[in-house]
């Protein structure tokens, strides 16, 4: 019998995630809130799921999210004004996709990623 343990996190409603980024951390994560609002008000909201973990957004195509499997982890670094994207395709493997983008490119690069991976 395998000792493999699946990780799963419950998804959060996009509205809740957006509100959390708008209000937590003294309202300093407005860039993350704008990205979540973009997802929430587009067709993406019906086919993508997510949750927030501290100052990170984890996005997947699955309703129950294993953060190590087919997930995009997004952080916005307030100090460097940069986005950090990491995509994990398979558990127990390094991220397949790791990119850093300027602060004004978050939504554009997110949309490009979703199109590239065909989500």
PDB file of N, CA and C in Angstrom:
ATOM      1  N   UNK A   1       0.854  -1.188   0.000  1.00  0.00           N
ATOM      2  CA  UNK A   1       0.000   0.000   0.000  1.00  0.00           C
ATOM      3  C   UNK A   1       0.891   1.240   0.000  1.00  0.00           C
ATOM      4  N   UNK A   2       0.557   2.185  -0.824  1.00  0.00           N
ATOM      5  CA  UNK A   2       1.344   3.408  -0.968  1.00  0.00           C
ATOM      6  C   UNK A   2       1.133   4.338   0.224  1.00  0.00           C
ATOM      7  N   UNK A   3       2.187   5.036   0.583  1.00  0.00           N
ATOM      8  CA  UNK A   3       2.078   5.998   1.674  1.00  0.00           C
ATOM      9  C   UNK A   3       1.864   7.407   1.127  1.00  0.00           C
ATOM     10  N   UNK A   4       1.603   7.512  -0.175  1.00  0.00           N
ATOM     11  CA  UNK A   4       1.381   8.812  -0.801  1.00  0.00           C
ATOM     12  C   UNK A   4       0.175   9.483  -0.176  1.00  0.00           C
ATOM     13  N   UNK A   5       0.332  10.725   0.197  1.00  0.00           N
ATOM     14  CA  UNK A   5      -0.751  11.485   0.804  1.00  0.00           C
ATOM     15  C   UNK A   5      -1.095  12.670  -0.107  1.00  0.00           C
ATOM     16  N   UNK A   6      -2.320  12.691  -0.590  1.00  0.00           N
ATOM     17  CA  UNK A   6      -2.749  13.823  -1.399  1.00  0.00           C
ATOM     18  C   UNK A   6      -2.963  15.027  -0.503  1.00  0.00           C
ATOM     19  N   UNK A   7      -2.551  16.180  -0.981  1.00  0.00           N
ATOM     20  CA  UNK A   7      -2.839  17.426  -0.287  1.00  0.00           C
ATOM     21  C   UNK A   7      -4.049  18.027  -0.964  1.00  0.00           C
ATOM     22  N   UNK A   8      -4.889  18.615  -0.199  1.00  0.00           N
ATOM     23  CA  UNK A   8      -6.016  19.292  -0.822  1.00  0.00           C
ATOM     24  C   UNK A   8      -6.374  20.525  -0.006  1.00  0.00           C
ATOM     25  N   UNK A   9      -6.674  21.563  -0.723  1.00  0.00           N
ATOM     26  CA  UNK A   9      -7.115  22.805  -0.112  1.00  0.00           C
ATOM     27  C   UNK A   9      -8.454  23.176  -0.710  1.00  0.00           C
ATOM     28  N   UNK A  10      -9.320  23.675   0.138  1.00  0.00           N
ATOM     29  CA  UNK A  10     -10.629  24.096  -0.337  1.00  0.00           C
ATOM     30  C   UNK A  10     -10.482  25.400  -1.105  1.00  0.00           C
ATOM     31  N   UNK A  11     -11.209  25.485  -2.183  1.00  0.00           N
ATOM     32  CA  UNK A  11     -11.197  26.731  -2.939  1.00  0.00           C
ATOM     33  C   UNK A  11     -11.996  27.784  -2.172  1.00  0.00           C
ATOM     34  N   UNK A  12     -11.705  29.020  -2.475  1.00  0.00           N
ATOM     35  CA  UNK A  12     -12.416  30.143  -1.880  1.00  0.00           C
ATOM     36  C   UNK A  12     -13.119  30.892  -3.007  1.00  0.00           C
ATOM     37  N   UNK A  13     -14.265  31.484  -2.735  1.00  0.00           N
ATOM     38  CA  UNK A  13     -14.940  32.276  -3.774  1.00  0.00           C
ATOM     39  C   UNK A  13     -14.036  33.433  -4.216  1.00  0.00           C
ATOM     40  N   UNK A  14     -14.063  33.753  -5.500  1.00  0.00           N
ATOM     41  CA  UNK A  14     -13.209  34.825  -6.018  1.00  0.00           C
ATOM     42  C   UNK A  14     -13.470  36.151  -5.311  1.00  0.00           C
ATOM     43  N   UNK A  15     -14.727  36.410  -4.996  1.00  0.00           N
ATOM     44  CA  UNK A  15     -15.067  37.655  -4.294  1.00  0.00           C
ATOM     45  C   UNK A  15     -14.378  37.708  -2.925  1.00  0.00           C
ATOM     46  N   UNK A  16     -14.378  36.590  -2.217  1.00  0.00           N
ATOM     47  CA  UNK A  16     -13.711  36.520  -0.910  1.00  0.00           C
ATOM     48  C   UNK A  16     -12.209  36.779  -1.065  1.00  0.00           C
ATOM     49  N   UNK A  17     -11.584  36.139  -2.065  1.00  0.00           N
ATOM     50  CA  UNK A  17     -10.144  36.297  -2.276  1.00  0.00           C
ATOM     51  C   UNK A  17      -9.826  37.759  -2.596  1.00  0.00           C
ATOM     52  N   UNK A  18     -10.603  38.345  -3.495  1.00  0.00           N
ATOM     53  CA  UNK A  18     -10.368  39.749  -3.849  1.00  0.00           C
ATOM     54  C   UNK A  18     -10.473  40.637  -2.617  1.00  0.00           C
ATOM     55  N   UNK A  19     -11.511  40.447  -1.833  1.00  0.00           N
ATOM     56  CA  UNK A  19     -11.706  41.255  -0.629  1.00  0.00           C
ATOM     57  C   UNK A  19     -10.545  41.078   0.351  1.00  0.00           C
ATOM     58  N   UNK A  20     -10.079  39.867   0.465  1.00  0.00           N
ATOM     59  CA  UNK A  20      -8.969  39.590   1.373  1.00  0.00           C
ATOM     60  C   UNK A  20      -7.721  40.378   0.966  1.00  0.00           C
ATOM     61  N   UNK A  21      -7.403  40.380  -0.334  1.00  0.00           N
ATOM     62  CA  UNK A  21      -6.228  41.131  -0.794  1.00  0.00           C
ATOM     63  C   UNK A  21      -6.448  42.645  -0.669  1.00  0.00           C
ATOM     64  N   UNK A  22      -7.689  43.094  -0.757  1.00  0.00           N
ATOM     65  CA  UNK A  22      -7.967  44.530  -0.607  1.00  0.00           C
ATOM     66  C   UNK A  22      -7.843  44.988   0.844  1.00  0.00           C
ATOM     67  N   UNK A  23      -8.160  44.107   1.782  1.00  0.00           N
ATOM     68  CA  UNK A  23      -8.235  44.547   3.178  1.00  0.00           C
ATOM     69  C   UNK A  23      -7.089  44.060   4.064  1.00  0.00           C
ATOM     70  N   UNK A  24      -6.578  42.868   3.826  1.00  0.00           N
ATOM     71  CA  UNK A  24      -5.489  42.365   4.667  1.00  0.00           C
ATOM     72  C   UNK A  24      -4.191  43.114   4.365  1.00  0.00           C
ATOM     73  N   UNK A  25      -3.265  43.021   5.230  1.00  0.00           N
ATOM     74  CA  UNK A  25      -1.944  43.640   5.066  1.00  0.00           C
ATOM     75  C   UNK A  25      -2.054  45.153   4.874  1.00  0.00           C
ATOM     76  N   UNK A  26      -3.016  45.762   5.530  1.00  0.00           N
ATOM     77  CA  UNK A  26      -3.164  47.208   5.450  1.00  0.00           C
ATOM     78  C   UNK A  26      -3.526  47.714   4.066  1.00  0.00           C
ATOM     79  N   UNK A  27      -4.118  46.865   3.259  1.00  0.00           N
ATOM     80  CA  UNK A  27      -4.529  47.258   1.913  1.00  0.00           C
ATOM     81  C   UNK A  27      -3.378  47.426   0.934  1.00  0.00           C
ATOM     82  N   UNK A  28      -2.220  46.873   1.262  1.00  0.00           N
ATOM     83  CA  UNK A  28      -1.029  47.062   0.422  1.00  0.00           C
ATOM     84  C   UNK A  28      -0.989  46.144  -0.797  1.00  0.00           C
ATOM     85  N   UNK A  29      -1.864  45.165  -0.862  1.00  0.00           N
ATOM     86  CA  UNK A  29      -1.829  44.212  -1.971  1.00  0.00           C
ATOM     87  C   UNK A  29      -2.892  44.518  -3.028  1.00  0.00           C
ATOM     88  N   UNK A  30      -2.976  45.793  -3.423  1.00  0.00           N
ATOM     89  CA  UNK A  30      -3.981  46.177  -4.416  1.00  0.00           C
ATOM     90  C   UNK A  30      -3.705  45.557  -5.786  1.00  0.00           C
ATOM     91  N   UNK A  31      -2.438  45.282  -6.123  1.00  0.00           N
ATOM     92  CA  UNK A  31      -2.133  44.643  -7.418  1.00  0.00           C
ATOM     93  C   UNK A  31      -2.719  43.224  -7.457  1.00  0.00           C
ATOM     94  N   UNK A  32      -2.591  42.493  -6.351  1.00  0.00           N
ATOM     95  CA  UNK A  32      -3.177  41.148  -6.281  1.00  0.00           C
ATOM     96  C   UNK A  32      -4.700  41.244  -6.367  1.00  0.00           C
ATOM     97  N   UNK A  33      -5.272  42.228  -5.689  1.00  0.00           N
ATOM     98  CA  UNK A  33      -6.727  42.410  -5.723  1.00  0.00           C
ATOM     99  C   UNK A  33      -7.189  42.711  -7.148  1.00  0.00           C
ATOM    100  N   UNK A  34      -6.425  43.507  -7.889  1.00  0.00           N
ATOM    101  CA  UNK A  34      -6.779  43.820  -9.275  1.00  0.00           C
ATOM    102  C   UNK A  34      -6.730  42.569 -10.152  1.00  0.00           C
ATOM    103  N   UNK A  35      -5.735  41.724  -9.935  1.00  0.00           N
ATOM    104  CA  UNK A  35      -5.653  40.476 -10.695  1.00  0.00           C
ATOM    105  C   UNK A  35      -6.847  39.581 -10.396  1.00  0.00           C
ATOM    106  N   UNK A  36      -7.185  39.443  -9.130  1.00  0.00           N
ATOM    107  CA  UNK A  36      -8.326  38.597  -8.749  1.00  0.00           C
ATOM    108  C   UNK A  36      -9.623  39.191  -9.294  1.00  0.00           C
ATOM    109  N   UNK A  37      -9.756  40.502  -9.256  1.00  0.00           N
ATOM    110  CA  UNK A  37     -10.947  41.139  -9.819  1.00  0.00           C
ATOM    111  C   UNK A  37     -11.045  40.843 -11.316  1.00  0.00           C
ATOM    112  N   UNK A  38      -9.919  40.872 -12.002  1.00  0.00           N
ATOM    113  CA  UNK A  38      -9.893  40.539 -13.429  1.00  0.00           C
ATOM    114  C   UNK A  38     -10.417  39.115 -13.651  1.00  0.00           C
ATOM    115  N   UNK A  39      -9.963  38.177 -12.842  1.00  0.00           N
ATOM    116  CA  UNK A  39     -10.432  36.788 -12.953  1.00  0.00           C
ATOM    117  C   UNK A  39     -11.921  36.719 -12.641  1.00  0.00           C
ATOM    118  N   UNK A  40     -12.310  37.348 -11.543  1.00  0.00           N
ATOM    119  CA  UNK A  40     -13.688  37.279 -11.047  1.00  0.00           C
ATOM    120  C   UNK A  40     -14.698  37.846 -12.031  1.00  0.00           C
ATOM    121  N   UNK A  41     -14.311  38.883 -12.762  1.00  0.00           N
ATOM    122  CA  UNK A  41     -15.276  39.551 -13.651  1.00  0.00           C
ATOM    123  C   UNK A  41     -15.158  39.085 -15.099  1.00  0.00           C
ATOM    124  N   UNK A  42     -14.406  38.038 -15.326  1.00  0.00           N
ATOM    125  CA  UNK A  42     -14.256  37.510 -16.681  1.00  0.00           C
ATOM    126  C   UNK A  42     -14.790  36.081 -16.736  1.00  0.00           C
ATOM    127  N   UNK A  43     -14.748  35.510 -17.925  1.00  0.00           N
ATOM    128  CA  UNK A  43     -15.175  34.118 -18.095  1.00  0.00           C
ATOM    129  C   UNK A  43     -14.256  33.146 -17.352  1.00  0.00           C
ATOM    130  N   UNK A  44     -13.066  33.603 -16.995  1.00  0.00           N
ATOM    131  CA  UNK A  44     -12.129  32.737 -16.265  1.00  0.00           C
ATOM    132  C   UNK A  44     -12.707  32.248 -14.941  1.00  0.00           C
ATOM    133  N   UNK A  45     -13.535  33.053 -14.327  1.00  0.00           N
ATOM    134  CA  UNK A  45     -14.088  32.708 -13.012  1.00  0.00           C
ATOM    135  C   UNK A  45     -14.925  31.437 -13.042  1.00  0.00           C
ATOM    136  N   UNK A  46     -15.443  31.075 -14.207  1.00  0.00           N
ATOM    137  CA  UNK A  46     -16.277  29.875 -14.299  1.00  0.00           C
ATOM    138  C   UNK A  46     -15.463  28.611 -14.542  1.00  0.00           C
ATOM    139  N   UNK A  47     -14.174  28.771 -14.888  1.00  0.00           N
ATOM    140  CA  UNK A  47     -13.378  27.574 -15.166  1.00  0.00           C
ATOM    141  C   UNK A  47     -12.093  27.477 -14.362  1.00  0.00           C
ATOM    142  N   UNK A  48     -11.800  28.490 -13.559  1.00  0.00           N
ATOM    143  CA  UNK A  48     -10.630  28.446 -12.690  1.00  0.00           C
ATOM    144  C   UNK A  48     -11.063  28.535 -11.237  1.00  0.00           C
ATOM    145  N   UNK A  49     -10.262  27.940 -10.377  1.00  0.00           N
ATOM    146  CA  UNK A  49     -10.518  27.941  -8.941  1.00  0.00           C
ATOM    147  C   UNK A  49      -9.270  28.451  -8.246  1.00  0.00           C
ATOM    148  N   UNK A  50      -9.451  28.975  -7.052  1.00  0.00           N
ATOM    149  CA  UNK A  50      -8.285  29.492  -6.357  1.00  0.00           C
ATOM    150  C   UNK A  50      -8.490  29.580  -4.863  1.00  0.00           C
ATOM    151  N   UNK A  51      -7.398  29.876  -4.203  1.00  0.00           N
ATOM    152  CA  UNK A  51      -7.423  30.206  -2.783  1.00  0.00           C
ATOM    153  C   UNK A  51      -6.223  31.097  -2.497  1.00  0.00           C
ATOM    154  N   UNK A  52      -6.344  31.828  -1.401  1.00  0.00           N
ATOM    155  CA  UNK A  52      -5.231  32.673  -0.985  1.00  0.00           C
ATOM    156  C   UNK A  52      -4.579  32.036   0.226  1.00  0.00           C
ATOM    157  N   UNK A  53      -3.274  32.159   0.267  1.00  0.00           N
ATOM    158  CA  UNK A  53      -2.497  31.646   1.384  1.00  0.00           C
ATOM    159  C   UNK A  53      -1.507  32.743   1.746  1.00  0.00           C
ATOM    160  N   UNK A  54      -1.775  33.422   2.816  1.00  0.00           N
ATOM    161  CA  UNK A  54      -1.013  34.620   3.183  1.00  0.00           C
ATOM    162  C   UNK A  54      -1.080  35.598   2.011  1.00  0.00           C
ATOM    163  N   UNK A  55       0.066  35.949   1.428  1.00  0.00           N
ATOM    164  CA  UNK A  55       0.071  36.923   0.335  1.00  0.00           C
ATOM    165  C   UNK A  55       0.203  36.257  -1.029  1.00  0.00           C
ATOM    166  N   UNK A  56      -0.120  34.991  -1.107  1.00  0.00           N
ATOM    167  CA  UNK A  56       0.001  34.213  -2.345  1.00  0.00           C
ATOM    168  C   UNK A  56      -1.385  33.815  -2.850  1.00  0.00           C
ATOM    169  N   UNK A  57      -1.511  33.771  -4.171  1.00  0.00           N
ATOM    170  CA  UNK A  57      -2.719  33.266  -4.824  1.00  0.00           C
ATOM    171  C   UNK A  57      -2.355  31.965  -5.515  1.00  0.00           C
ATOM    172  N   UNK A  58      -3.145  30.924  -5.270  1.00  0.00           N
ATOM    173  CA  UNK A  58      -2.934  29.633  -5.917  1.00  0.00           C
ATOM    174  C   UNK A  58      -4.142  29.377  -6.810  1.00  0.00           C
ATOM    175  N   UNK A  59      -3.878  29.112  -8.093  1.00  0.00           N
ATOM    176  CA  UNK A  59      -4.937  28.958  -9.097  1.00  0.00           C
ATOM    177  C   UNK A  59      -4.817  27.587  -9.744  1.00  0.00           C
ATOM    178  N   UNK A  60      -5.985  26.970  -9.998  1.00  0.00           N
ATOM    179  CA  UNK A  60      -6.020  25.641 -10.605  1.00  0.00           C
ATOM    180  C   UNK A  60      -7.288  25.497 -11.442  1.00  0.00           C
ATOM    181  N   UNK A  61      -7.346  24.401 -12.181  1.00  0.00           N
ATOM    182  CA  UNK A  61      -8.564  24.069 -12.918  1.00  0.00           C
ATOM    183  C   UNK A  61      -9.433  23.095 -12.124  1.00  0.00           C
ATOM    184  N   UNK A  62      -8.971  22.705 -10.948  1.00  0.00           N
ATOM    185  CA  UNK A  62      -9.680  21.725 -10.126  1.00  0.00           C
ATOM    186  C   UNK A  62     -10.351  22.385  -8.931  1.00  0.00           C
ATOM    187  N   UNK A  63     -11.515  21.856  -8.583  1.00  0.00           N
ATOM    188  CA  UNK A  63     -12.269  22.383  -7.446  1.00  0.00           C
ATOM    189  C   UNK A  63     -11.617  22.055  -6.110  1.00  0.00           C
ATOM    190  N   UNK A  64     -10.951  20.937  -6.032  1.00  0.00           N
ATOM    191  CA  UNK A  64     -10.136  20.613  -4.863  1.00  0.00           C
ATOM    192  C   UNK A  64      -8.696  20.724  -5.314  1.00  0.00           C
ATOM    193  N   UNK A  65      -7.964  21.619  -4.683  1.00  0.00           N
ATOM    194  CA  UNK A  65      -6.632  21.960  -5.183  1.00  0.00           C
ATOM    195  C   UNK A  65      -5.544  21.281  -4.368  1.00  0.00           C
ATOM    196  N   UNK A  66      -4.714  20.520  -5.066  1.00  0.00           N
ATOM    197  CA  UNK A  66      -3.459  20.040  -4.505  1.00  0.00           C
ATOM    198  C   UNK A  66      -2.426  21.069  -4.957  1.00  0.00           C
ATOM    199  N   UNK A  67      -1.840  21.835  -4.047  1.00  0.00           N
ATOM    200  CA  UNK A  67      -0.952  22.927  -4.449  1.00  0.00           C
ATOM    201  C   UNK A  67       0.299  22.476  -5.193  1.00  0.00           C
ATOM    202  N   UNK A  68       0.538  21.174  -5.250  1.00  0.00           N
ATOM    203  CA  UNK A  68       1.720  20.649  -5.935  1.00  0.00           C
ATOM    204  C   UNK A  68       1.382  20.093  -7.313  1.00  0.00           C
ATOM    205  N   UNK A  69       0.115  20.152  -7.717  1.00  0.00           N
ATOM    206  CA  UNK A  69      -0.306  19.497  -8.963  1.00  0.00           C
ATOM    207  C   UNK A  69      -1.157  20.445  -9.809  1.00  0.00           C
ATOM    208  N   UNK A  70      -0.648  20.767 -10.992  1.00  0.00           N
ATOM    209  CA  UNK A  70      -1.344  21.619 -11.946  1.00  0.00           C
ATOM    210  C   UNK A  70      -1.869  22.899 -11.300  1.00  0.00           C
ATOM    211  N   UNK A  71      -0.955  23.613 -10.639  1.00  0.00           N
ATOM    212  CA  UNK A  71      -1.323  24.856  -9.983  1.00  0.00           C
ATOM    213  C   UNK A  71      -0.345  25.967 -10.334  1.00  0.00           C
ATOM    214  N   UNK A  72      -0.882  27.155 -10.459  1.00  0.00           N
ATOM    215  CA  UNK A  72      -0.078  28.348 -10.660  1.00  0.00           C
ATOM    216  C   UNK A  72      -0.067  29.123  -9.356  1.00  0.00           C
ATOM    217  N   UNK A  73       1.125  29.357  -8.825  1.00  0.00           N
ATOM    218  CA  UNK A  73       1.312  30.126  -7.597  1.00  0.00           C
ATOM    219  C   UNK A  73       1.762  31.531  -7.995  1.00  0.00           C
ATOM    220  N   UNK A  74       1.040  32.524  -7.501  1.00  0.00           N
ATOM    221  CA  UNK A  74       1.323  33.907  -7.875  1.00  0.00           C
ATOM    222  C   UNK A  74       1.561  34.735  -6.615  1.00  0.00           C
ATOM    223  N   UNK A  75       2.663  35.474  -6.635  1.00  0.00           N
ATOM    224  CA  UNK A  75       2.964  36.419  -5.556  1.00  0.00           C
ATOM    225  C   UNK A  75       3.340  37.747  -6.184  1.00  0.00           C
ATOM    226  N   UNK A  76       3.056  38.801  -5.448  1.00  0.00           N
ATOM    227  CA  UNK A  76       3.480  40.123  -5.869  1.00  0.00           C
ATOM    228  C   UNK A  76       4.406  40.668  -4.792  1.00  0.00           C
ATOM    229  N   UNK A  77       5.641  40.965  -5.172  1.00  0.00           N
ATOM    230  CA  UNK A  77       6.643  41.462  -4.230  1.00  0.00           C
ATOM    231  C   UNK A  77       6.526  42.980  -4.138  1.00  0.00           C
ATOM    232  N   UNK A  78       6.072  43.455  -2.992  1.00  0.00           N
ATOM    233  CA  UNK A  78       5.877  44.887  -2.793  1.00  0.00           C
ATOM    234  C   UNK A  78       7.197  45.654  -2.804  1.00  0.00           C
ATOM    235  N   UNK A  79       8.273  45.022  -2.385  1.00  0.00           N
ATOM    236  CA  UNK A  79       9.570  45.696  -2.314  1.00  0.00           C
ATOM    237  C   UNK A  79      10.202  45.910  -3.685  1.00  0.00           C
ATOM    238  N   UNK A  80      10.045  44.934  -4.572  1.00  0.00           N
ATOM    239  CA  UNK A  80      10.679  45.029  -5.898  1.00  0.00           C
ATOM    240  C   UNK A  80       9.688  45.408  -6.993  1.00  0.00           C
ATOM    241  N   UNK A  81       8.397  45.488  -6.652  1.00  0.00           N
ATOM    242  CA  UNK A  81       7.355  45.793  -7.623  1.00  0.00           C
ATOM    243  C   UNK A  81       7.377  44.780  -8.766  1.00  0.00           C
ATOM    244  N   UNK A  82       7.433  43.480  -8.392  1.00  0.00           N
ATOM    245  CA  UNK A  82       7.493  42.418  -9.390  1.00  0.00           C
ATOM    246  C   UNK A  82       6.524  41.289  -9.057  1.00  0.00           C
ATOM    247  N   UNK A  83       6.029  40.681 -10.113  1.00  0.00           N
ATOM    248  CA  UNK A  83       5.196  39.482 -10.009  1.00  0.00           C
ATOM    249  C   UNK A  83       6.090  38.252 -10.077  1.00  0.00           C
ATOM    250  N   UNK A  84       5.726  37.221  -9.325  1.00  0.00           N
ATOM    251  CA  UNK A  84       6.429  35.935  -9.368  1.00  0.00           C
ATOM    252  C   UNK A  84       5.393  34.852  -9.657  1.00  0.00           C
ATOM    253  N   UNK A  85       5.559  34.175 -10.774  1.00  0.00           N
ATOM    254  CA  UNK A  85       4.680  33.093 -11.186  1.00  0.00           C
ATOM    255  C   UNK A  85       5.470  31.791 -11.126  1.00  0.00           C
ATOM    256  N   UNK A  86       4.860  30.768 -10.521  1.00  0.00           N
ATOM    257  CA  UNK A  86       5.429  29.421 -10.508  1.00  0.00           C
ATOM    258  C   UNK A  86       4.315  28.438 -10.827  1.00  0.00           C
ATOM    259  N   UNK A  87       4.557  27.580 -11.807  1.00  0.00           N
ATOM    260  CA  UNK A  87       3.580  26.560 -12.161  1.00  0.00           C
ATOM    261  C   UNK A  87       4.140  25.193 -11.815  1.00  0.00           C
ATOM    262  N   UNK A  88       3.381  24.471 -10.994  1.00  0.00           N
ATOM    263  CA  UNK A  88       3.746  23.113 -10.590  1.00  0.00           C
ATOM    264  C   UNK A  88       2.832  22.144 -11.322  1.00  0.00           C
ATOM    265  N   UNK A  89       3.415  21.305 -12.173  1.00  0.00           N
ATOM    266  CA  UNK A  89       2.633  20.359 -12.965  1.00  0.00           C
ATOM    267  C   UNK A  89       2.394  19.052 -12.215  1.00  0.00           C
ATOM    268  N   UNK A  90       3.437  18.561 -11.514  1.00  0.00           N
ATOM    269  CA  UNK A  90       3.364  17.254 -10.878  1.00  0.00           C
ATOM    270  C   UNK A  90       3.899  17.315  -9.461  1.00  0.00           C
ATOM    271  N   UNK A  91       3.270  16.550  -8.558  1.00  0.00           N
ATOM    272  CA  UNK A  91       3.765  16.506  -7.185  1.00  0.00           C
ATOM    273  C   UNK A  91       5.215  16.023  -7.116  1.00  0.00           C
ATOM    274  N   UNK A  92       5.926  16.527  -6.156  1.00  0.00           N
ATOM    275  CA  UNK A  92       7.298  16.106  -5.851  1.00  0.00           C
ATOM    276  C   UNK A  92       8.293  16.470  -6.942  1.00  0.00           C
ATOM    277  N   UNK A  93       7.933  17.395  -7.819  1.00  0.00           N
ATOM    278  CA  UNK A  93       8.856  17.872  -8.848  1.00  0.00           C
ATOM    279  C   UNK A  93       8.975  19.378  -8.735  1.00  0.00           C
ATOM    280  N   UNK A  94      10.093  19.889  -9.219  1.00  0.00           N
ATOM    281  CA  UNK A  94      10.310  21.331  -9.218  1.00  0.00           C
ATOM    282  C   UNK A  94       9.275  22.003 -10.118  1.00  0.00           C
ATOM    283  N   UNK A  95       9.101  23.287  -9.907  1.00  0.00           N
ATOM    284  CA  UNK A  95       8.185  24.057 -10.751  1.00  0.00           C
ATOM    285  C   UNK A  95       8.635  23.974 -12.205  1.00  0.00           C
ATOM    286  N   UNK A  96       7.680  23.760 -13.103  1.00  0.00           N
ATOM    287  CA  UNK A  96       7.964  23.663 -14.533  1.00  0.00           C
ATOM    288  C   UNK A  96       8.125  25.029 -15.177  1.00  0.00           C
ATOM    289  N   UNK A  97       7.496  26.015 -14.589  1.00  0.00           N
ATOM    290  CA  UNK A  97       7.450  27.355 -15.164  1.00  0.00           C
ATOM    291  C   UNK A  97       7.699  28.333 -14.030  1.00  0.00           C
ATOM    292  N   UNK A  98       8.753  29.123 -14.125  1.00  0.00           N
ATOM    293  CA  UNK A  98       9.077  30.123 -13.115  1.00  0.00           C
ATOM    294  C   UNK A  98       9.419  31.409 -13.848  1.00  0.00           C
ATOM    295  N   UNK A  99       8.657  32.452 -13.552  1.00  0.00           N
ATOM    296  CA  UNK A  99       8.898  33.728 -14.223  1.00  0.00           C
ATOM    297  C   UNK A  99       8.714  34.874 -13.229  1.00  0.00           C
ATOM    298  N   UNK A 100       9.425  35.955 -13.513  1.00  0.00           N
ATOM    299  CA  UNK A 100       9.286  37.208 -12.774  1.00  0.00           C
ATOM    300  C   UNK A 100       8.960  38.292 -13.803  1.00  0.00           C
ATOM    301  N   UNK A 101       7.962  39.127 -13.462  1.00  0.00           N
ATOM    302  CA  UNK A 101       7.508  40.158 -14.390  1.00  0.00           C
ATOM    303  C   UNK A 101       7.416  41.511 -13.682  1.00  0.00           C
ATOM    304  N   UNK A 102       7.533  42.601 -14.451  1.00  0.00           N
ATOM    305  CA  UNK A 102       7.370  43.933 -13.872  1.00  0.00           C
ATOM    306  C   UNK A 102       5.956  44.134 -13.325  1.00  0.00           C
ATOM    307  N   UNK A 103       5.818  45.033 -12.386  1.00  0.00           N
ATOM    308  CA  UNK A 103       4.553  45.263 -11.702  1.00  0.00           C
ATOM    309  C   UNK A 103       3.377  45.610 -12.581  1.00  0.00           C
ATOM    310  N   UNK A 104       3.616  46.205 -13.748  1.00  0.00           N
ATOM    311  CA  UNK A 104       2.504  46.599 -14.607  1.00  0.00           C
ATOM    312  C   UNK A 104       2.085  45.505 -15.590  1.00  0.00           C
ATOM    313  N   UNK A 105       2.667  44.319 -15.483  1.00  0.00           N
ATOM    314  CA  UNK A 105       2.408  43.248 -16.451  1.00  0.00           C
ATOM    315  C   UNK A 105       1.647  42.048 -15.879  1.00  0.00           C
ATOM    316  N   UNK A 106       1.179  42.122 -14.654  1.00  0.00           N
ATOM    317  CA  UNK A 106       0.564  40.968 -13.998  1.00  0.00           C
ATOM    318  C   UNK A 106      -0.625  40.368 -14.730  1.00  0.00           C
ATOM    319  N   UNK A 107      -1.611  41.197 -15.044  1.00  0.00           N
ATOM    320  CA  UNK A 107      -2.823  40.687 -15.694  1.00  0.00           C
ATOM    321  C   UNK A 107      -2.493  40.174 -17.095  1.00  0.00           C
ATOM    322  N   UNK A 108      -1.708  40.926 -17.825  1.00  0.00           N
ATOM    323  CA  UNK A 108      -1.313  40.512 -19.179  1.00  0.00           C
ATOM    324  C   UNK A 108      -0.591  39.166 -19.157  1.00  0.00           C
ATOM    325  N   UNK A 109       0.358  39.012 -18.240  1.00  0.00           N
ATOM    326  CA  UNK A 109       1.128  37.767 -18.177  1.00  0.00           C
ATOM    327  C   UNK A 109       0.277  36.609 -17.669  1.00  0.00           C
ATOM    328  N   UNK A 110      -0.664  36.893 -16.780  1.00  0.00           N
ATOM    329  CA  UNK A 110      -1.590  35.855 -16.315  1.00  0.00           C
ATOM    330  C   UNK A 110      -2.427  35.353 -17.487  1.00  0.00           C
ATOM    331  N   UNK A 111      -2.999  36.278 -18.241  1.00  0.00           N
ATOM    332  CA  UNK A 111      -3.811  35.885 -19.402  1.00  0.00           C
ATOM    333  C   UNK A 111      -2.978  35.092 -20.407  1.00  0.00           C
ATOM    334  N   UNK A 112      -1.740  35.519 -20.633  1.00  0.00           N
ATOM    335  CA  UNK A 112      -0.857  34.793 -21.546  1.00  0.00           C
ATOM    336  C   UNK A 112      -0.598  33.375 -21.053  1.00  0.00           C
ATOM    337  N   UNK A 113      -0.384  33.224 -19.752  1.00  0.00           N
ATOM    338  CA  UNK A 113      -0.136  31.896 -19.176  1.00  0.00           C
ATOM    339  C   UNK A 113      -1.358  31.001 -19.370  1.00  0.00           C
ATOM    340  N   UNK A 114      -2.535  31.516 -19.048  1.00  0.00           N
ATOM    341  CA  UNK A 114      -3.775  30.736 -19.170  1.00  0.00           C
ATOM    342  C   UNK A 114      -3.976  30.287 -20.620  1.00  0.00           C
ATOM    343  N   UNK A 115      -3.688  31.162 -21.548  1.00  0.00           N
ATOM    344  CA  UNK A 115      -3.810  30.806 -22.960  1.00  0.00           C
ATOM    345  C   UNK A 115      -2.763  29.765 -23.355  1.00  0.00           C
ATOM    346  N   UNK A 116      -1.520  29.964 -22.901  1.00  0.00           N
ATOM    347  CA  UNK A 116      -0.434  29.056 -23.233  1.00  0.00           C
ATOM    348  C   UNK A 116      -0.719  27.619 -22.741  1.00  0.00           C
ATOM    349  N   UNK A 117      -1.234  27.516 -21.525  1.00  0.00           N
ATOM    350  CA  UNK A 117      -1.455  26.201 -20.938  1.00  0.00           C
ATOM    351  C   UNK A 117      -2.840  25.644 -21.287  1.00  0.00           C
ATOM    352  N   UNK A 118      -3.624  26.454 -21.963  1.00  0.00           N
ATOM    353  CA  UNK A 118      -4.968  26.068 -22.432  1.00  0.00           C
ATOM    354  C   UNK A 118      -5.938  25.756 -21.296  1.00  0.00           C
ATOM    355  N   UNK A 119      -5.937  26.628 -20.322  1.00  0.00           N
ATOM    356  CA  UNK A 119      -6.877  26.479 -19.199  1.00  0.00           C
ATOM    357  C   UNK A 119      -8.200  27.054 -19.580  1.00  0.00           C
TER     358      UNK A 119
END
